[in-house]
Amino acid sequence: MIVDVLTWLQQPGLSHFLIVSAIVFALGLYAILTRKNAIMVLMGIELILNAANINFLAFSRYSTHSLDGHIVALFVIILAAAEVAIGLAIVLNIVQNFNTANVDEIDRLKE
């Protein structure tokens, strides 16, 4: 019994990657739902995108189409970089205008 568990832990399979991806996704969702700071919300979105990348690469490794997941993951990384650049620009503009990065305190975009 213990030998079977140790063997299962030493040879990572698709289920290992899916478990890690689910944990990262849950942490990202928790960060989005509980944090009031806009920077933390952006970090939660990044965690969710990374969980999707783990899934793409895991399914790519364990399927016959080995390069498809890598290409999609590359596009997700490019999308994440663009999202960070635009999101940080918006957050910096909000901080400059409202003197806060708290999402709940920003109830209007124009005074």
PDB file of N, CA and C in Angstrom:
ATOM      1  N   MET A   1       0.823  -1.200   0.000  1.00  0.00           N
ATOM      2  CA  MET A   1       0.000   0.000   0.000  1.00  0.00           C
ATOM      3  C   MET A   1       0.862   1.256   0.000  1.00  0.00           C
ATOM      4  N   ILE A   2       1.808   1.346   0.927  1.00  0.00           N
ATOM      5  CA  ILE A   2       2.673   2.524   0.999  1.00  0.00           C
ATOM      6  C   ILE A   2       3.576   2.592  -0.227  1.00  0.00           C
ATOM      7  N   VAL A   3       4.032   1.427  -0.703  1.00  0.00           N
ATOM      8  CA  VAL A   3       4.885   1.395  -1.896  1.00  0.00           C
ATOM      9  C   VAL A   3       4.112   1.888  -3.105  1.00  0.00           C
ATOM     10  N   ASP A   4       2.827   1.544  -3.205  1.00  0.00           N
ATOM     11  CA  ASP A   4       2.005   2.018  -4.318  1.00  0.00           C
ATOM     12  C   ASP A   4       1.832   3.533  -4.276  1.00  0.00           C
ATOM     13  N   VAL A   5       1.645   4.078  -3.079  1.00  0.00           N
ATOM     14  CA  VAL A   5       1.490   5.527  -2.938  1.00  0.00           C
ATOM     15  C   VAL A   5       2.786   6.239  -3.306  1.00  0.00           C
ATOM     16  N   LEU A   6       3.910   5.706  -2.848  1.00  0.00           N
ATOM     17  CA  LEU A   6       5.201   6.317  -3.178  1.00  0.00           C
ATOM     18  C   LEU A   6       5.483   6.235  -4.674  1.00  0.00           C
ATOM     19  N   THR A   7       5.135   5.151  -5.299  1.00  0.00           N
ATOM     20  CA  THR A   7       5.311   5.021  -6.746  1.00  0.00           C
ATOM     21  C   THR A   7       4.430   6.023  -7.469  1.00  0.00           C
ATOM     22  N   TRP A   8       3.207   6.194  -6.984  1.00  0.00           N
ATOM     23  CA  TRP A   8       2.287   7.155  -7.602  1.00  0.00           C
ATOM     24  C   TRP A   8       2.811   8.580  -7.474  1.00  0.00           C
ATOM     25  N   LEU A   9       3.451   8.895  -6.344  1.00  0.00           N
ATOM     26  CA  LEU A   9       3.987  10.239  -6.139  1.00  0.00           C
ATOM     27  C   LEU A   9       5.259  10.484  -6.940  1.00  0.00           C
ATOM     28  N   GLN A  10       6.050   9.432  -7.194  1.00  0.00           N
ATOM     29  CA  GLN A  10       7.314   9.606  -7.892  1.00  0.00           C
ATOM     30  C   GLN A  10       7.140   9.724  -9.398  1.00  0.00           C
ATOM     31  N   GLN A  11       6.082   9.186  -9.935  1.00  0.00           N
ATOM     32  CA  GLN A  11       5.843   9.246 -11.370  1.00  0.00           C
ATOM     33  C   GLN A  11       4.645  10.154 -11.631  1.00  0.00           C
ATOM     34  N   PRO A  12       4.899  11.431 -11.894  1.00  0.00           N
ATOM     35  CA  PRO A  12       3.773  12.346 -12.062  1.00  0.00           C
ATOM     36  C   PRO A  12       2.980  12.023 -13.329  1.00  0.00           C
ATOM     37  N   GLY A  13       1.708  11.994 -13.164  1.00  0.00           N
ATOM     38  CA  GLY A  13       0.811  11.744 -14.284  1.00  0.00           C
ATOM     39  C   GLY A  13      -0.074  12.952 -14.518  1.00  0.00           C
ATOM     40  N   LEU A  14      -1.056  12.764 -15.357  1.00  0.00           N
ATOM     41  CA  LEU A  14      -1.969  13.855 -15.680  1.00  0.00           C
ATOM     42  C   LEU A  14      -2.722  14.335 -14.453  1.00  0.00           C
ATOM     43  N   SER A  15      -3.076  13.427 -13.570  1.00  0.00           N
ATOM     44  CA  SER A  15      -3.828  13.821 -12.378  1.00  0.00           C
ATOM     45  C   SER A  15      -3.020  14.745 -11.470  1.00  0.00           C
ATOM     46  N   HIS A  16      -1.712  14.557 -11.399  1.00  0.00           N
ATOM     47  CA  HIS A  16      -0.869  15.449 -10.593  1.00  0.00           C
ATOM     48  C   HIS A  16      -0.920  16.874 -11.133  1.00  0.00           C
ATOM     49  N   PHE A  17      -0.785  17.004 -12.433  1.00  0.00           N
ATOM     50  CA  PHE A  17      -0.819  18.331 -13.040  1.00  0.00           C
ATOM     51  C   PHE A  17      -2.181  18.983 -12.860  1.00  0.00           C
ATOM     52  N   LEU A  18      -3.244  18.200 -12.967  1.00  0.00           N
ATOM     53  CA  LEU A  18      -4.579  18.755 -12.802  1.00  0.00           C
ATOM     54  C   LEU A  18      -4.838  19.185 -11.362  1.00  0.00           C
ATOM     55  N   ILE A  19      -4.297  18.461 -10.411  1.00  0.00           N
ATOM     56  CA  ILE A  19      -4.445  18.844  -9.006  1.00  0.00           C
ATOM     57  C   ILE A  19      -3.713  20.151  -8.731  1.00  0.00           C
ATOM     58  N   VAL A  20      -2.483  20.267  -9.223  1.00  0.00           N
ATOM     59  CA  VAL A  20      -1.723  21.517  -9.046  1.00  0.00           C
ATOM     60  C   VAL A  20      -2.444  22.677  -9.736  1.00  0.00           C
ATOM     61  N   SER A  21      -2.961  22.433 -10.918  1.00  0.00           N
ATOM     62  CA  SER A  21      -3.684  23.475 -11.644  1.00  0.00           C
ATOM     63  C   SER A  21      -4.940  23.902 -10.897  1.00  0.00           C
ATOM     64  N   ALA A  22      -5.647  22.946 -10.312  1.00  0.00           N
ATOM     65  CA  ALA A  22      -6.853  23.282  -9.551  1.00  0.00           C
ATOM     66  C   ALA A  22      -6.511  24.099  -8.313  1.00  0.00           C
ATOM     67  N   ILE A  23      -5.408  23.788  -7.666  1.00  0.00           N
ATOM     68  CA  ILE A  23      -4.984  24.557  -6.489  1.00  0.00           C
ATOM     69  C   ILE A  23      -4.620  25.981  -6.884  1.00  0.00           C
ATOM     70  N   VAL A  24      -3.854  26.133  -7.967  1.00  0.00           N
ATOM     71  CA  VAL A  24      -3.467  27.472  -8.431  1.00  0.00           C
ATOM     72  C   VAL A  24      -4.697  28.265  -8.862  1.00  0.00           C
ATOM     73  N   PHE A  25      -5.647  27.604  -9.541  1.00  0.00           N
ATOM     74  CA  PHE A  25      -6.875  28.273  -9.955  1.00  0.00           C
ATOM     75  C   PHE A  25      -7.685  28.722  -8.740  1.00  0.00           C
ATOM     76  N   ALA A  26      -7.784  27.858  -7.729  1.00  0.00           N
ATOM     77  CA  ALA A  26      -8.541  28.212  -6.522  1.00  0.00           C
ATOM     78  C   ALA A  26      -7.886  29.383  -5.786  1.00  0.00           C
ATOM     79  N   LEU A  27      -6.559  29.407  -5.737  1.00  0.00           N
ATOM     80  CA  LEU A  27      -5.872  30.535  -5.105  1.00  0.00           C
ATOM     81  C   LEU A  27      -6.111  31.837  -5.877  1.00  0.00           C
ATOM     82  N   GLY A  28      -6.102  31.756  -7.202  1.00  0.00           N
ATOM     83  CA  GLY A  28      -6.377  32.941  -8.010  1.00  0.00           C
ATOM     84  C   GLY A  28      -7.801  33.435  -7.838  1.00  0.00           C
ATOM     85  N   LEU A  29      -8.747  32.519  -7.802  1.00  0.00           N
ATOM     86  CA  LEU A  29     -10.141  32.890  -7.601  1.00  0.00           C
ATOM     87  C   LEU A  29     -10.342  33.488  -6.216  1.00  0.00           C
ATOM     88  N   TYR A  30      -9.691  32.925  -5.219  1.00  0.00           N
ATOM     89  CA  TYR A  30      -9.756  33.470  -3.861  1.00  0.00           C
ATOM     90  C   TYR A  30      -9.186  34.886  -3.821  1.00  0.00           C
ATOM     91  N   ALA A  31      -8.068  35.108  -4.518  1.00  0.00           N
ATOM     92  CA  ALA A  31      -7.460  36.444  -4.540  1.00  0.00           C
ATOM     93  C   ALA A  31      -8.378  37.455  -5.220  1.00  0.00           C
ATOM     94  N   ILE A  32      -9.068  37.047  -6.260  1.00  0.00           N
ATOM     95  CA  ILE A  32      -9.969  37.972  -6.952  1.00  0.00           C
ATOM     96  C   ILE A  32     -11.181  38.308  -6.092  1.00  0.00           C
ATOM     97  N   LEU A  33     -11.740  37.304  -5.434  1.00  0.00           N
ATOM     98  CA  LEU A  33     -12.985  37.508  -4.698  1.00  0.00           C
ATOM     99  C   LEU A  33     -12.799  38.187  -3.346  1.00  0.00           C
ATOM    100  N   THR A  34     -11.641  38.035  -2.720  1.00  0.00           N
ATOM    101  CA  THR A  34     -11.480  38.555  -1.367  1.00  0.00           C
ATOM    102  C   THR A  34     -10.657  39.828  -1.274  1.00  0.00           C
ATOM    103  N   ARG A  35      -9.850  40.111  -2.231  1.00  0.00           N
ATOM    104  CA  ARG A  35      -8.978  41.281  -2.140  1.00  0.00           C
ATOM    105  C   ARG A  35      -9.673  42.516  -2.658  1.00  0.00           C
ATOM    106  N   LYS A  36      -9.384  43.634  -2.025  1.00  0.00           N
ATOM    107  CA  LYS A  36      -9.957  44.907  -2.450  1.00  0.00           C
ATOM    108  C   LYS A  36      -8.938  45.747  -3.221  1.00  0.00           C
ATOM    109  N   ASN A  37      -7.685  45.367  -3.154  1.00  0.00           N
ATOM    110  CA  ASN A  37      -6.636  46.090  -3.849  1.00  0.00           C
ATOM    111  C   ASN A  37      -6.603  45.660  -5.317  1.00  0.00           C
ATOM    112  N   ALA A  38      -6.539  46.622  -6.216  1.00  0.00           N
ATOM    113  CA  ALA A  38      -6.574  46.324  -7.649  1.00  0.00           C
ATOM    114  C   ALA A  38      -5.356  45.524  -8.097  1.00  0.00           C
ATOM    115  N   ILE A  39      -4.211  45.760  -7.486  1.00  0.00           N
ATOM    116  CA  ILE A  39      -3.006  45.010  -7.842  1.00  0.00           C
ATOM    117  C   ILE A  39      -3.183  43.536  -7.477  1.00  0.00           C
ATOM    118  N   MET A  40      -3.786  43.258  -6.339  1.00  0.00           N
ATOM    119  CA  MET A  40      -4.016  41.871  -5.928  1.00  0.00           C
ATOM    120  C   MET A  40      -5.038  41.186  -6.840  1.00  0.00           C
ATOM    121  N   VAL A  41      -6.013  41.927  -7.323  1.00  0.00           N
ATOM    122  CA  VAL A  41      -6.973  41.357  -8.268  1.00  0.00           C
ATOM    123  C   VAL A  41      -6.266  40.985  -9.566  1.00  0.00           C
ATOM    124  N   LEU A  42      -5.371  41.846 -10.039  1.00  0.00           N
ATOM    125  CA  LEU A  42      -4.595  41.518 -11.241  1.00  0.00           C
ATOM    126  C   LEU A  42      -3.701  40.293 -11.020  1.00  0.00           C
ATOM    127  N   MET A  43      -3.146  40.166  -9.826  1.00  0.00           N
ATOM    128  CA  MET A  43      -2.330  38.983  -9.530  1.00  0.00           C
ATOM    129  C   MET A  43      -3.189  37.723  -9.503  1.00  0.00           C
ATOM    130  N   GLY A  44      -4.426  37.833  -9.037  1.00  0.00           N
ATOM    131  CA  GLY A  44      -5.335  36.698  -9.066  1.00  0.00           C
ATOM    132  C   GLY A  44      -5.662  36.266 -10.487  1.00  0.00           C
ATOM    133  N   ILE A  45      -5.838  37.242 -11.370  1.00  0.00           N
ATOM    134  CA  ILE A  45      -6.083  36.926 -12.780  1.00  0.00           C
ATOM    135  C   ILE A  45      -4.873  36.225 -13.383  1.00  0.00           C
ATOM    136  N   GLU A  46      -3.691  36.662 -13.006  1.00  0.00           N
ATOM    137  CA  GLU A  46      -2.473  36.007 -13.495  1.00  0.00           C
ATOM    138  C   GLU A  46      -2.395  34.559 -13.010  1.00  0.00           C
ATOM    139  N   LEU A  47      -2.791  34.311 -11.769  1.00  0.00           N
ATOM    140  CA  LEU A  47      -2.781  32.936 -11.263  1.00  0.00           C
ATOM    141  C   LEU A  47      -3.758  32.055 -12.035  1.00  0.00           C
ATOM    142  N   ILE A  48      -4.916  32.596 -12.373  1.00  0.00           N
ATOM    143  CA  ILE A  48      -5.886  31.821 -13.143  1.00  0.00           C
ATOM    144  C   ILE A  48      -5.342  31.524 -14.539  1.00  0.00           C
ATOM    145  N   LEU A  49      -4.690  32.484 -15.161  1.00  0.00           N
ATOM    146  CA  LEU A  49      -4.093  32.245 -16.474  1.00  0.00           C
ATOM    147  C   LEU A  49      -2.973  31.204 -16.390  1.00  0.00           C
ATOM    148  N   ASN A  50      -2.198  31.227 -15.296  1.00  0.00           N
ATOM    149  CA  ASN A  50      -1.151  30.216 -15.124  1.00  0.00           C
ATOM    150  C   ASN A  50      -1.747  28.829 -14.910  1.00  0.00           C
ATOM    151  N   ALA A  51      -2.884  28.753 -14.223  1.00  0.00           N
ATOM    152  CA  ALA A  51      -3.553  27.455 -14.067  1.00  0.00           C
ATOM    153  C   ALA A  51      -4.008  26.925 -15.420  1.00  0.00           C
ATOM    154  N   ALA A  52      -4.497  27.806 -16.271  1.00  0.00           N
ATOM    155  CA  ALA A  52      -4.880  27.383 -17.622  1.00  0.00           C
ATOM    156  C   ALA A  52      -3.662  26.908 -18.403  1.00  0.00           C
ATOM    157  N   ASN A  53      -2.532  27.580 -18.242  1.00  0.00           N
ATOM    158  CA  ASN A  53      -1.310  27.147 -18.918  1.00  0.00           C
ATOM    159  C   ASN A  53      -0.869  25.762 -18.456  1.00  0.00           C
ATOM    160  N   ILE A  54      -0.970  25.496 -17.161  1.00  0.00           N
ATOM    161  CA  ILE A  54      -0.612  24.174 -16.655  1.00  0.00           C
ATOM    162  C   ILE A  54      -1.494  23.111 -17.302  1.00  0.00           C
ATOM    163  N   ASN A  55      -2.791  23.408 -17.420  1.00  0.00           N
ATOM    164  CA  ASN A  55      -3.694  22.453 -18.061  1.00  0.00           C
ATOM    165  C   ASN A  55      -3.344  22.238 -19.528  1.00  0.00           C
ATOM    166  N   PHE A  56      -3.086  23.318 -20.252  1.00  0.00           N
ATOM    167  CA  PHE A  56      -2.734  23.184 -21.668  1.00  0.00           C
ATOM    168  C   PHE A  56      -1.486  22.333 -21.846  1.00  0.00           C
ATOM    169  N   LEU A  57      -0.469  22.587 -21.041  1.00  0.00           N
ATOM    170  CA  LEU A  57       0.775  21.841 -21.177  1.00  0.00           C
ATOM    171  C   LEU A  57       0.624  20.393 -20.723  1.00  0.00           C
ATOM    172  N   ALA A  58      -0.171  20.150 -19.696  1.00  0.00           N
ATOM    173  CA  ALA A  58      -0.377  18.775 -19.225  1.00  0.00           C
ATOM    174  C   ALA A  58      -1.120  17.957 -20.264  1.00  0.00           C
ATOM    175  N   PHE A  59      -2.195  18.515 -20.820  1.00  0.00           N
ATOM    176  CA  PHE A  59      -2.930  17.769 -21.835  1.00  0.00           C
ATOM    177  C   PHE A  59      -2.113  17.625 -23.112  1.00  0.00           C
ATOM    178  N   SER A  60      -1.247  18.595 -23.382  1.00  0.00           N
ATOM    179  CA  SER A  60      -0.378  18.482 -24.541  1.00  0.00           C
ATOM    180  C   SER A  60       0.637  17.351 -24.358  1.00  0.00           C
ATOM    181  N   ARG A  61       1.120  17.197 -23.135  1.00  0.00           N
ATOM    182  CA  ARG A  61       2.109  16.147 -22.877  1.00  0.00           C
ATOM    183  C   ARG A  61       1.492  14.759 -22.973  1.00  0.00           C
ATOM    184  N   TYR A  62       0.269  14.612 -22.526  1.00  0.00           N
ATOM    185  CA  TYR A  62      -0.354  13.292 -22.476  1.00  0.00           C
ATOM    186  C   TYR A  62      -1.306  13.026 -23.635  1.00  0.00           C
ATOM    187  N   SER A  63      -1.201  13.786 -24.705  1.00  0.00           N
ATOM    188  CA  SER A  63      -2.008  13.514 -25.895  1.00  0.00           C
ATOM    189  C   SER A  63      -1.088  13.281 -27.092  1.00  0.00           C
ATOM    190  N   THR A  64      -1.688  12.992 -28.231  1.00  0.00           N
ATOM    191  CA  THR A  64      -0.887  12.722 -29.425  1.00  0.00           C
ATOM    192  C   THR A  64      -0.434  14.005 -30.108  1.00  0.00           C
ATOM    193  N   HIS A  65      -1.171  15.083 -29.933  1.00  0.00           N
ATOM    194  CA  HIS A  65      -0.793  16.377 -30.528  1.00  0.00           C
ATOM    195  C   HIS A  65       0.098  17.108 -29.538  1.00  0.00           C
ATOM    196  N   SER A  66       1.387  16.885 -29.635  1.00  0.00           N
ATOM    197  CA  SER A  66       2.289  17.323 -28.578  1.00  0.00           C
ATOM    198  C   SER A  66       2.613  18.819 -28.613  1.00  0.00           C
ATOM    199  N   LEU A  67       2.455  19.493 -29.737  1.00  0.00           N
ATOM    200  CA  LEU A  67       2.875  20.887 -29.816  1.00  0.00           C
ATOM    201  C   LEU A  67       1.719  21.871 -29.660  1.00  0.00           C
ATOM    202  N   ASP A  68       0.484  21.412 -29.743  1.00  0.00           N
ATOM    203  CA  ASP A  68      -0.658  22.317 -29.681  1.00  0.00           C
ATOM    204  C   ASP A  68      -0.754  23.042 -28.345  1.00  0.00           C
ATOM    205  N   GLY A  69      -0.565  22.338 -27.259  1.00  0.00           N
ATOM    206  CA  GLY A  69      -0.652  22.953 -25.933  1.00  0.00           C
ATOM    207  C   GLY A  69       0.433  23.976 -25.701  1.00  0.00           C
ATOM    208  N   HIS A  70       1.618  23.723 -26.240  1.00  0.00           N
ATOM    209  CA  HIS A  70       2.718  24.669 -26.081  1.00  0.00           C
ATOM    210  C   HIS A  70       2.430  25.972 -26.822  1.00  0.00           C
ATOM    211  N   ILE A  71       1.849  25.868 -27.989  1.00  0.00           N
ATOM    212  CA  ILE A  71       1.528  27.067 -28.770  1.00  0.00           C
ATOM    213  C   ILE A  71       0.445  27.879 -28.076  1.00  0.00           C
ATOM    214  N   VAL A  72      -0.577  27.199 -27.579  1.00  0.00           N
ATOM    215  CA  VAL A  72      -1.650  27.910 -26.873  1.00  0.00           C
ATOM    216  C   VAL A  72      -1.105  28.548 -25.602  1.00  0.00           C
ATOM    217  N   ALA A  73      -0.240  27.850 -24.870  1.00  0.00           N
ATOM    218  CA  ALA A  73       0.354  28.404 -23.659  1.00  0.00           C
ATOM    219  C   ALA A  73       1.190  29.640 -23.974  1.00  0.00           C
ATOM    220  N   LEU A  74       1.890  29.618 -25.095  1.00  0.00           N
ATOM    221  CA  LEU A  74       2.655  30.792 -25.508  1.00  0.00           C
ATOM    222  C   LEU A  74       1.740  31.982 -25.774  1.00  0.00           C
ATOM    223  N   PHE A  75       0.604  31.744 -26.425  1.00  0.00           N
ATOM    224  CA  PHE A  75      -0.355  32.830 -26.651  1.00  0.00           C
ATOM    225  C   PHE A  75      -0.950  33.332 -25.343  1.00  0.00           C
ATOM    226  N   VAL A  76      -1.173  32.447 -24.388  1.00  0.00           N
ATOM    227  CA  VAL A  76      -1.700  32.878 -23.087  1.00  0.00           C
ATOM    228  C   VAL A  76      -0.672  33.731 -22.361  1.00  0.00           C
ATOM    229  N   ILE A  77       0.603  33.392 -22.473  1.00  0.00           N
ATOM    230  CA  ILE A  77       1.656  34.198 -21.851  1.00  0.00           C
ATOM    231  C   ILE A  77       1.711  35.583 -22.491  1.00  0.00           C
ATOM    232  N   ILE A  78       1.577  35.643 -23.802  1.00  0.00           N
ATOM    233  CA  ILE A  78       1.559  36.941 -24.495  1.00  0.00           C
ATOM    234  C   ILE A  78       0.342  37.748 -24.063  1.00  0.00           C
ATOM    235  N   LEU A  79      -0.815  37.100 -23.957  1.00  0.00           N
ATOM    236  CA  LEU A  79      -2.027  37.764 -23.493  1.00  0.00           C
ATOM    237  C   LEU A  79      -1.863  38.272 -22.068  1.00  0.00           C
ATOM    238  N   ALA A  80      -1.223  37.488 -21.215  1.00  0.00           N
ATOM    239  CA  ALA A  80      -1.007  37.901 -19.827  1.00  0.00           C
ATOM    240  C   ALA A  80      -0.081  39.116 -19.746  1.00  0.00           C
ATOM    241  N   ALA A  81       0.945  39.148 -20.589  1.00  0.00           N
ATOM    242  CA  ALA A  81       1.852  40.298 -20.590  1.00  0.00           C
ATOM    243  C   ALA A  81       1.120  41.572 -21.023  1.00  0.00           C
ATOM    244  N   ALA A  82       0.271  41.461 -22.030  1.00  0.00           N
ATOM    245  CA  ALA A  82      -0.507  42.617 -22.469  1.00  0.00           C
ATOM    246  C   ALA A  82      -1.497  43.037 -21.397  1.00  0.00           C
ATOM    247  N   GLU A  83      -2.108  42.065 -20.725  1.00  0.00           N
ATOM    248  CA  GLU A  83      -3.068  42.371 -19.669  1.00  0.00           C
ATOM    249  C   GLU A  83      -2.387  43.090 -18.512  1.00  0.00           C
ATOM    250  N   VAL A  84      -1.189  42.667 -18.159  1.00  0.00           N
ATOM    251  CA  VAL A  84      -0.458  43.313 -17.071  1.00  0.00           C
ATOM    252  C   VAL A  84      -0.103  44.750 -17.437  1.00  0.00           C
ATOM    253  N   ALA A  85       0.355  44.962 -18.652  1.00  0.00           N
ATOM    254  CA  ALA A  85       0.735  46.319 -19.067  1.00  0.00           C
ATOM    255  C   ALA A  85      -0.469  47.251 -19.054  1.00  0.00           C
ATOM    256  N   ILE A  86      -1.571  46.825 -19.618  1.00  0.00           N
ATOM    257  CA  ILE A  86      -2.766  47.675 -19.657  1.00  0.00           C
ATOM    258  C   ILE A  86      -3.378  47.813 -18.265  1.00  0.00           C
ATOM    259  N   GLY A  87      -3.430  46.702 -17.518  1.00  0.00           N
ATOM    260  CA  GLY A  87      -4.010  46.754 -16.175  1.00  0.00           C
ATOM    261  C   GLY A  87      -3.233  47.653 -15.237  1.00  0.00           C
ATOM    262  N   LEU A  88      -1.916  47.581 -15.264  1.00  0.00           N
ATOM    263  CA  LEU A  88      -1.113  48.451 -14.411  1.00  0.00           C
ATOM    264  C   LEU A  88      -1.229  49.910 -14.817  1.00  0.00           C
ATOM    265  N   ALA A  89      -1.352  50.175 -16.105  1.00  0.00           N
ATOM    266  CA  ALA A  89      -1.559  51.556 -16.543  1.00  0.00           C
ATOM    267  C   ALA A  89      -2.891  52.092 -16.021  1.00  0.00           C
ATOM    268  N   ILE A  90      -3.921  51.279 -16.067  1.00  0.00           N
ATOM    269  CA  ILE A  90      -5.225  51.699 -15.544  1.00  0.00           C
ATOM    270  C   ILE A  90      -5.162  51.906 -14.035  1.00  0.00           C
ATOM    271  N   VAL A  91      -4.510  50.980 -13.323  1.00  0.00           N
ATOM    272  CA  VAL A  91      -4.405  51.111 -11.866  1.00  0.00           C
ATOM    273  C   VAL A  91      -3.611  52.351 -11.486  1.00  0.00           C
ATOM    274  N   LEU A  92      -2.515  52.619 -12.173  1.00  0.00           N
ATOM    275  CA  LEU A  92      -1.731  53.826 -11.884  1.00  0.00           C
ATOM    276  C   LEU A  92      -2.530  55.094 -12.150  1.00  0.00           C
ATOM    277  N   ASN A  93      -3.337  55.089 -13.201  1.00  0.00           N
ATOM    278  CA  ASN A  93      -4.197  56.242 -13.475  1.00  0.00           C
ATOM    279  C   ASN A  93      -5.253  56.414 -12.397  1.00  0.00           C
ATOM    280  N   ILE A  94      -5.822  55.315 -11.921  1.00  0.00           N
ATOM    281  CA  ILE A  94      -6.819  55.382 -10.846  1.00  0.00           C
ATOM    282  C   ILE A  94      -6.178  55.883  -9.556  1.00  0.00           C
ATOM    283  N   VAL A  95      -4.985  55.396  -9.234  1.00  0.00           N
ATOM    284  CA  VAL A  95      -4.297  55.845  -8.023  1.00  0.00           C
ATOM    285  C   VAL A  95      -3.968  57.327  -8.115  1.00  0.00           C
ATOM    286  N   GLN A  96      -3.581  57.785  -9.291  1.00  0.00           N
ATOM    287  CA  GLN A  96      -3.261  59.194  -9.470  1.00  0.00           C
ATOM    288  C   GLN A  96      -4.502  60.068  -9.312  1.00  0.00           C
ATOM    289  N   ASN A  97      -5.659  59.614  -9.801  1.00  0.00           N
ATOM    290  CA  ASN A  97      -6.877  60.421  -9.736  1.00  0.00           C
ATOM    291  C   ASN A  97      -7.612  60.303  -8.407  1.00  0.00           C
ATOM    292  N   PHE A  98      -7.641  59.115  -7.811  1.00  0.00           N
ATOM    293  CA  PHE A  98      -8.439  58.884  -6.609  1.00  0.00           C
ATOM    294  C   PHE A  98      -7.606  58.698  -5.347  1.00  0.00           C
ATOM    295  N   ASN A  99      -6.295  58.627  -5.453  1.00  0.00           N
ATOM    296  CA  ASN A  99      -5.372  58.426  -4.333  1.00  0.00           C
ATOM    297  C   ASN A  99      -5.637  57.132  -3.574  1.00  0.00           C
ATOM    298  N   THR A 100      -6.139  56.119  -4.243  1.00  0.00           N
ATOM    299  CA  THR A 100      -6.350  54.808  -3.640  1.00  0.00           C
ATOM    300  C   THR A 100      -6.341  53.742  -4.730  1.00  0.00           C
ATOM    301  N   ALA A 101      -5.928  52.538  -4.333  1.00  0.00           N
ATOM    302  CA  ALA A 101      -5.993  51.398  -5.248  1.00  0.00           C
ATOM    303  C   ALA A 101      -7.071  50.421  -4.793  1.00  0.00           C
ATOM    304  N   ASN A 102      -7.880  50.832  -3.819  1.00  0.00           N
ATOM    305  CA  ASN A 102      -8.954  49.998  -3.305  1.00  0.00           C
ATOM    306  C   ASN A 102     -10.112  49.985  -4.291  1.00  0.00           C
ATOM    307  N   VAL A 103     -10.491  48.798  -4.733  1.00  0.00           N
ATOM    308  CA  VAL A 103     -11.522  48.672  -5.762  1.00  0.00           C
ATOM    309  C   VAL A 103     -12.885  49.120  -5.236  1.00  0.00           C
ATOM    310  N   ASP A 104     -13.170  48.885  -3.965  1.00  0.00           N
ATOM    311  CA  ASP A 104     -14.473  49.243  -3.403  1.00  0.00           C
ATOM    312  C   ASP A 104     -14.661  50.746  -3.250  1.00  0.00           C
ATOM    313  N   GLU A 105     -13.588  51.504  -3.107  1.00  0.00           N
ATOM    314  CA  GLU A 105     -13.709  52.945  -2.912  1.00  0.00           C
ATOM    315  C   GLU A 105     -13.860  53.709  -4.225  1.00  0.00           C
ATOM    316  N   ILE A 106     -13.658  53.048  -5.328  1.00  0.00           N
ATOM    317  CA  ILE A 106     -13.762  53.693  -6.640  1.00  0.00           C
ATOM    318  C   ILE A 106     -15.148  53.381  -7.181  1.00  0.00           C
ATOM    319  N   ASP A 107     -16.095  54.279  -6.957  1.00  0.00           N
ATOM    320  CA  ASP A 107     -17.460  54.003  -7.403  1.00  0.00           C
ATOM    321  C   ASP A 107     -17.850  54.796  -8.629  1.00  0.00           C
ATOM    322  N   ARG A 108     -17.017  55.707  -9.051  1.00  0.00           N
ATOM    323  CA  ARG A 108     -17.303  56.448 -10.276  1.00  0.00           C
ATOM    324  C   ARG A 108     -15.977  56.724 -10.998  1.00  0.00           C
ATOM    325  N   LEU A 109     -16.047  56.769 -12.307  1.00  0.00           N
ATOM    326  CA  LEU A 109     -14.827  56.991 -13.088  1.00  0.00           C
ATOM    327  C   LEU A 109     -14.589  58.461 -13.357  1.00  0.00           C
ATOM    328  N   LYS A 110     -15.629  59.267 -13.326  1.00  0.00           N
ATOM    329  CA  LYS A 110     -15.465  60.690 -13.600  1.00  0.00           C
ATOM    330  C   LYS A 110     -16.132  61.490 -12.500  1.00  0.00           C
ATOM    331  N   GLU A 111     -15.417  62.454 -11.954  1.00  0.00           N
ATOM    332  CA  GLU A 111     -15.989  63.281 -10.891  1.00  0.00           C
ATOM    333  C   GLU A 111     -16.701  64.481 -11.460  1.00  0.00           C
TER     334      GLU A 111
END
